[in-house]
Amino acid sequence: MNTVDLYLSLGSNLGDRESNIAQATMALSINFEISDIQSSSYYDSEPLYNIDQPHFLNSVVKCKTSLKPFEVLDVIKKVERMLGRKDRREKNSPRIIDIDILFHGDAVIETEELSIPHPMLTMRKFVLVPFDELAPNFEIPHSKIKIKDLINHCPDKTKVFLHHMDTQA
């Protein structure tokens, strides 16, 4: 079965943010069609649109998958529901977990339900900074633009910084 590289953005700003992202990553790894999961460090970031909410914790995950894009979307929705995310919520509101597909191989999809590459990727430092840690030389499909080059031109002025895990036992 052919596999492609899959890049996902994970974010949380409710409850135990570290645990939410770790559980989401673990839940993805249980799927037999998703393998070789690598995660960036976790990054604290200010909310970008609705600023009257807690700060986010974000990461980017790279993995291999034989699933088609809409099958990946189904898996993501199951993981989000499993962690307590409601199906209906206000856009840009606080959330336990948010998982977005950034890239699925070199697929380009534009539908009501799914857009790949993620259309807001270049506007979000909270995605670009962890992505740059994981794969700075990744080239956006069908272009020569690298992730590391996008950070310098990102209009997002929010602060994104490396999260220091709570080391208390």
C-alpha atoms as a PDB file:
ATOM      1  CA  MET A   1       0.000   0.000   0.000  1.00  0.00           C
ATOM      2  CA  ASN A   2       1.344   3.428  -0.934  1.00  0.00           C
ATOM      3  CA  THR A   3       1.952   5.885   1.864  1.00  0.00           C
ATOM      4  CA  VAL A   4       2.311   9.650   1.811  1.00  0.00           C
ATOM      5  CA  ASP A   5       3.651  12.154   4.302  1.00  0.00           C
ATOM      6  CA  LEU A   6       0.902  13.693   6.386  1.00  0.00           C
ATOM      7  CA  TYR A   7       1.366  16.884   8.413  1.00  0.00           C
ATOM      8  CA  LEU A   8      -1.130  17.842  11.108  1.00  0.00           C
ATOM      9  CA  SER A   9      -1.434  20.840  13.389  1.00  0.00           C
ATOM     10  CA  LEU A  10      -2.630  20.168  16.950  1.00  0.00           C
ATOM     11  CA  GLY A  11      -3.814  22.823  19.363  1.00  0.00           C
ATOM     12  CA  SER A  12      -5.478  23.015  22.784  1.00  0.00           C
ATOM     13  CA  ASN A  13      -6.370  25.803  25.188  1.00  0.00           C
ATOM     14  CA  LEU A  14      -8.766  24.133  27.642  1.00  0.00           C
ATOM     15  CA  GLY A  15      -8.018  21.731  30.478  1.00  0.00           C
ATOM     16  CA  ASP A  16      -4.644  19.974  30.614  1.00  0.00           C
ATOM     17  CA  ARG A  17      -3.289  21.225  27.304  1.00  0.00           C
ATOM     18  CA  GLU A  18      -0.173  18.987  27.354  1.00  0.00           C
ATOM     19  CA  SER A  19      -2.241  15.906  28.047  1.00  0.00           C
ATOM     20  CA  ASN A  20      -4.804  16.816  25.371  1.00  0.00           C
ATOM     21  CA  ILE A  21      -2.135  17.064  22.665  1.00  0.00           C
ATOM     22  CA  ALA A  22      -0.275  13.970  23.889  1.00  0.00           C
ATOM     23  CA  GLN A  23      -3.519  11.944  23.973  1.00  0.00           C
ATOM     24  CA  ALA A  24      -4.496  13.127  20.493  1.00  0.00           C
ATOM     25  CA  THR A  25      -1.064  12.144  19.134  1.00  0.00           C
ATOM     26  CA  MET A  26      -1.308   8.750  20.850  1.00  0.00           C
ATOM     27  CA  ALA A  27      -4.846   8.193  19.538  1.00  0.00           C
ATOM     28  CA  LEU A  28      -3.661   8.881  15.989  1.00  0.00           C
ATOM     29  CA  SER A  29      -0.862   6.316  16.407  1.00  0.00           C
ATOM     30  CA  ILE A  30      -3.366   3.559  17.269  1.00  0.00           C
ATOM     31  CA  ASN A  31      -4.671   3.690  13.693  1.00  0.00           C
ATOM     32  CA  PHE A  32      -2.916   1.005  11.622  1.00  0.00           C
ATOM     33  CA  GLU A  33      -2.882   3.231   8.539  1.00  0.00           C
ATOM     34  CA  ILE A  34      -0.919   5.947  10.376  1.00  0.00           C
ATOM     35  CA  SER A  35       2.726   5.262  11.248  1.00  0.00           C
ATOM     36  CA  ASP A  36       6.143   6.827  11.901  1.00  0.00           C
ATOM     37  CA  ILE A  37       4.701   9.658  13.971  1.00  0.00           C
ATOM     38  CA  GLN A  38       7.098  12.483  14.820  1.00  0.00           C
ATOM     39  CA  SER A  39       5.993  15.443  16.895  1.00  0.00           C
ATOM     40  CA  SER A  40       7.497  18.886  17.235  1.00  0.00           C
ATOM     41  CA  SER A  41       8.040  20.350  20.665  1.00  0.00           C
ATOM     42  CA  TYR A  42       5.016  22.023  22.215  1.00  0.00           C
ATOM     43  CA  TYR A  43       4.674  25.786  21.786  1.00  0.00           C
ATOM     44  CA  ASP A  44       2.702  28.309  23.797  1.00  0.00           C
ATOM     45  CA  SER A  45       0.921  30.866  21.659  1.00  0.00           C
ATOM     46  CA  GLU A  46      -1.382  33.794  22.091  1.00  0.00           C
ATOM     47  CA  PRO A  47      -4.862  33.431  20.587  1.00  0.00           C
ATOM     48  CA  LEU A  48      -4.815  34.885  17.077  1.00  0.00           C
ATOM     49  CA  TYR A  49      -8.399  35.952  16.404  1.00  0.00           C
ATOM     50  CA  ASN A  50     -10.547  35.829  19.528  1.00  0.00           C
ATOM     51  CA  ILE A  51      -8.039  37.155  22.076  1.00  0.00           C
ATOM     52  CA  ASP A  52     -10.407  36.873  25.055  1.00  0.00           C
ATOM     53  CA  GLN A  53      -9.514  33.235  25.803  1.00  0.00           C
ATOM     54  CA  PRO A  54      -6.652  31.202  27.330  1.00  0.00           C
ATOM     55  CA  HIS A  55      -3.336  30.820  25.486  1.00  0.00           C
ATOM     56  CA  PHE A  56      -2.954  27.808  23.224  1.00  0.00           C
ATOM     57  CA  LEU A  57      -0.484  24.967  23.267  1.00  0.00           C
ATOM     58  CA  ASN A  58       0.410  23.846  19.730  1.00  0.00           C
ATOM     59  CA  SER A  59       2.450  21.202  17.966  1.00  0.00           C
ATOM     60  CA  VAL A  60       2.893  19.878  14.450  1.00  0.00           C
ATOM     61  CA  VAL A  61       2.955  16.148  13.772  1.00  0.00           C
ATOM     62  CA  LYS A  62       4.479  14.421  10.768  1.00  0.00           C
ATOM     63  CA  CYS A  63       3.533  10.854   9.931  1.00  0.00           C
ATOM     64  CA  LYS A  64       3.053   8.376   7.112  1.00  0.00           C
ATOM     65  CA  THR A  65      -0.394   7.274   6.025  1.00  0.00           C
ATOM     66  CA  SER A  66      -2.057   5.098   3.423  1.00  0.00           C
ATOM     67  CA  LEU A  67      -5.398   6.800   4.161  1.00  0.00           C
ATOM     68  CA  LYS A  68      -6.947   9.152   1.631  1.00  0.00           C
ATOM     69  CA  PRO A  69      -7.485  12.778   2.761  1.00  0.00           C
ATOM     70  CA  PHE A  70     -11.187  12.375   3.640  1.00  0.00           C
ATOM     71  CA  GLU A  71     -10.397   9.155   5.542  1.00  0.00           C
ATOM     72  CA  VAL A  72      -7.807  11.103   7.559  1.00  0.00           C
ATOM     73  CA  LEU A  73     -10.463  13.736   8.253  1.00  0.00           C
ATOM     74  CA  ASP A  74     -12.787  11.005   9.601  1.00  0.00           C
ATOM     75  CA  VAL A  75     -10.033   9.705  11.919  1.00  0.00           C
ATOM     76  CA  ILE A  76      -9.308  13.245  13.158  1.00  0.00           C
ATOM     77  CA  LYS A  77     -12.982  13.900  13.915  1.00  0.00           C
ATOM     78  CA  LYS A  78     -13.172  10.644  15.900  1.00  0.00           C
ATOM     79  CA  VAL A  79     -10.065  11.579  17.914  1.00  0.00           C
ATOM     80  CA  GLU A  80     -11.419  15.081  18.608  1.00  0.00           C
ATOM     81  CA  ARG A  81     -14.775  13.646  19.772  1.00  0.00           C
ATOM     82  CA  MET A  82     -13.018  11.025  21.913  1.00  0.00           C
ATOM     83  CA  LEU A  83     -11.174  13.827  23.730  1.00  0.00           C
ATOM     84  CA  GLY A  84     -14.417  15.704  24.349  1.00  0.00           C
ATOM     85  CA  ARG A  85     -14.600  18.209  21.522  1.00  0.00           C
ATOM     86  CA  LYS A  86     -18.146  19.146  20.600  1.00  0.00           C
ATOM     87  CA  ASP A  87     -19.218  18.842  16.951  1.00  0.00           C
ATOM     88  CA  ARG A  88     -20.799  22.285  16.971  1.00  0.00           C
ATOM     89  CA  ARG A  89     -18.962  25.268  18.393  1.00  0.00           C
ATOM     90  CA  GLU A  90     -18.264  28.885  17.590  1.00  0.00           C
ATOM     91  CA  LYS A  91     -15.363  29.540  15.242  1.00  0.00           C
ATOM     92  CA  ASN A  92     -12.153  30.620  17.031  1.00  0.00           C
ATOM     93  CA  SER A  93     -13.563  29.703  20.447  1.00  0.00           C
ATOM     94  CA  PRO A  94     -11.656  27.848  23.198  1.00  0.00           C
ATOM     95  CA  ARG A  95     -11.261  24.127  22.586  1.00  0.00           C
ATOM     96  CA  ILE A  96      -9.996  20.967  24.233  1.00  0.00           C
ATOM     97  CA  ILE A  97      -8.375  19.841  20.992  1.00  0.00           C
ATOM     98  CA  ASP A  98      -8.188  21.060  17.421  1.00  0.00           C
ATOM     99  CA  ILE A  99      -6.500  18.990  14.727  1.00  0.00           C
ATOM    100  CA  ASP A 100      -6.033  20.379  11.216  1.00  0.00           C
ATOM    101  CA  ILE A 101      -4.613  18.675   8.136  1.00  0.00           C
ATOM    102  CA  LEU A 102      -1.810  20.869   6.814  1.00  0.00           C
ATOM    103  CA  PHE A 103      -0.519  18.625   4.004  1.00  0.00           C
ATOM    104  CA  HIS A 104      -1.388  15.189   2.652  1.00  0.00           C
ATOM    105  CA  GLY A 105       1.380  14.233   0.232  1.00  0.00           C
ATOM    106  CA  ASP A 106       1.131  16.667  -2.658  1.00  0.00           C
ATOM    107  CA  ALA A 107      -2.676  16.682  -2.635  1.00  0.00           C
ATOM    108  CA  VAL A 108      -4.529  19.885  -3.450  1.00  0.00           C
ATOM    109  CA  ILE A 109      -8.172  19.771  -2.339  1.00  0.00           C
ATOM    110  CA  GLU A 110     -10.683  22.594  -2.099  1.00  0.00           C
ATOM    111  CA  THR A 111     -14.120  21.580  -0.819  1.00  0.00           C
ATOM    112  CA  GLU A 112     -16.590  22.932   1.729  1.00  0.00           C
ATOM    113  CA  GLU A 113     -15.425  20.330   4.252  1.00  0.00           C
ATOM    114  CA  LEU A 114     -11.695  20.090   3.538  1.00  0.00           C
ATOM    115  CA  SER A 115      -8.957  22.304   2.078  1.00  0.00           C
ATOM    116  CA  ILE A 116      -5.418  20.974   1.568  1.00  0.00           C
ATOM    117  CA  PRO A 117      -2.896  22.543   1.872  1.00  0.00           C
ATOM    118  CA  HIS A 118      -4.479  24.282   4.843  1.00  0.00           C
ATOM    119  CA  PRO A 119      -5.492  27.722   3.504  1.00  0.00           C
ATOM    120  CA  MET A 120      -4.420  29.666   6.622  1.00  0.00           C
ATOM    121  CA  LEU A 121      -1.038  27.949   7.050  1.00  0.00           C
ATOM    122  CA  THR A 122       1.030  30.916   5.852  1.00  0.00           C
ATOM    123  CA  MET A 123      -0.821  33.310   8.193  1.00  0.00           C
ATOM    124  CA  ARG A 124      -0.273  31.378  11.427  1.00  0.00           C
ATOM    125  CA  LYS A 125       2.961  31.545  13.368  1.00  0.00           C
ATOM    126  CA  PHE A 126       1.619  28.934  15.818  1.00  0.00           C
ATOM    127  CA  VAL A 127       1.719  26.458  12.906  1.00  0.00           C
ATOM    128  CA  LEU A 128       4.849  27.670  11.114  1.00  0.00           C
ATOM    129  CA  VAL A 129       7.153  27.737  14.167  1.00  0.00           C
ATOM    130  CA  PRO A 130       6.606  24.091  15.233  1.00  0.00           C
ATOM    131  CA  PHE A 131       6.546  23.023  11.552  1.00  0.00           C
ATOM    132  CA  ASP A 132       9.909  24.744  11.055  1.00  0.00           C
ATOM    133  CA  GLU A 133      11.340  22.767  13.983  1.00  0.00           C
ATOM    134  CA  LEU A 134      10.131  19.492  12.470  1.00  0.00           C
ATOM    135  CA  ALA A 135      10.832  20.085   8.762  1.00  0.00           C
ATOM    136  CA  PRO A 136      12.344  23.505   7.913  1.00  0.00           C
ATOM    137  CA  ASN A 137      13.205  22.478   4.360  1.00  0.00           C
ATOM    138  CA  PHE A 138       9.760  21.061   3.577  1.00  0.00           C
ATOM    139  CA  GLU A 139       8.632  22.478   0.243  1.00  0.00           C
ATOM    140  CA  ILE A 140       4.987  23.340  -0.180  1.00  0.00           C
ATOM    141  CA  PRO A 141       3.699  21.027  -2.947  1.00  0.00           C
ATOM    142  CA  HIS A 142       3.619  22.513  -6.432  1.00  0.00           C
ATOM    143  CA  SER A 143       5.852  25.410  -5.359  1.00  0.00           C
ATOM    144  CA  LYS A 144       9.450  26.044  -4.388  1.00  0.00           C
ATOM    145  CA  ILE A 145       8.471  27.744  -1.118  1.00  0.00           C
ATOM    146  CA  LYS A 146       9.954  26.284   2.046  1.00  0.00           C
ATOM    147  CA  ILE A 147       8.409  26.439   5.511  1.00  0.00           C
ATOM    148  CA  LYS A 148      11.452  28.254   6.920  1.00  0.00           C
ATOM    149  CA  ASP A 149      10.955  31.022   4.324  1.00  0.00           C
ATOM    150  CA  LEU A 150       7.295  31.505   5.251  1.00  0.00           C
ATOM    151  CA  ILE A 151       8.075  32.422   8.877  1.00  0.00           C
ATOM    152  CA  ASN A 152       9.946  35.555   7.816  1.00  0.00           C
ATOM    153  CA  HIS A 153       6.971  36.770   5.769  1.00  0.00           C
ATOM    154  CA  CYS A 154       4.206  35.751   8.158  1.00  0.00           C
ATOM    155  CA  PRO A 155       1.920  38.706   8.986  1.00  0.00           C
ATOM    156  CA  ASP A 156       0.968  37.100  12.339  1.00  0.00           C
ATOM    157  CA  LYS A 157       2.541  39.201  15.123  1.00  0.00           C
ATOM    158  CA  THR A 158       1.440  37.017  18.066  1.00  0.00           C
ATOM    159  CA  LYS A 159       4.059  35.545  20.390  1.00  0.00           C
ATOM    160  CA  VAL A 160       4.883  31.861  19.952  1.00  0.00           C
ATOM    161  CA  PHE A 161       7.452  30.373  22.291  1.00  0.00           C
ATOM    162  CA  LEU A 162       8.779  26.963  23.298  1.00  0.00           C
ATOM    163  CA  HIS A 163       6.698  25.429  26.078  1.00  0.00           C
ATOM    164  CA  HIS A 164       8.570  24.248  29.140  1.00  0.00           C
ATOM    165  CA  MET A 165       6.954  21.114  30.493  1.00  0.00           C
ATOM    166  CA  ASP A 166       5.997  21.078  34.143  1.00  0.00           C
ATOM    167  CA  THR A 167       8.694  18.849  35.629  1.00  0.00           C
ATOM    168  CA  GLN A 168       7.130  18.307  39.042  1.00  0.00           C
ATOM    169  CA  ALA A 169       6.690  14.619  39.803  1.00  0.00           C
END
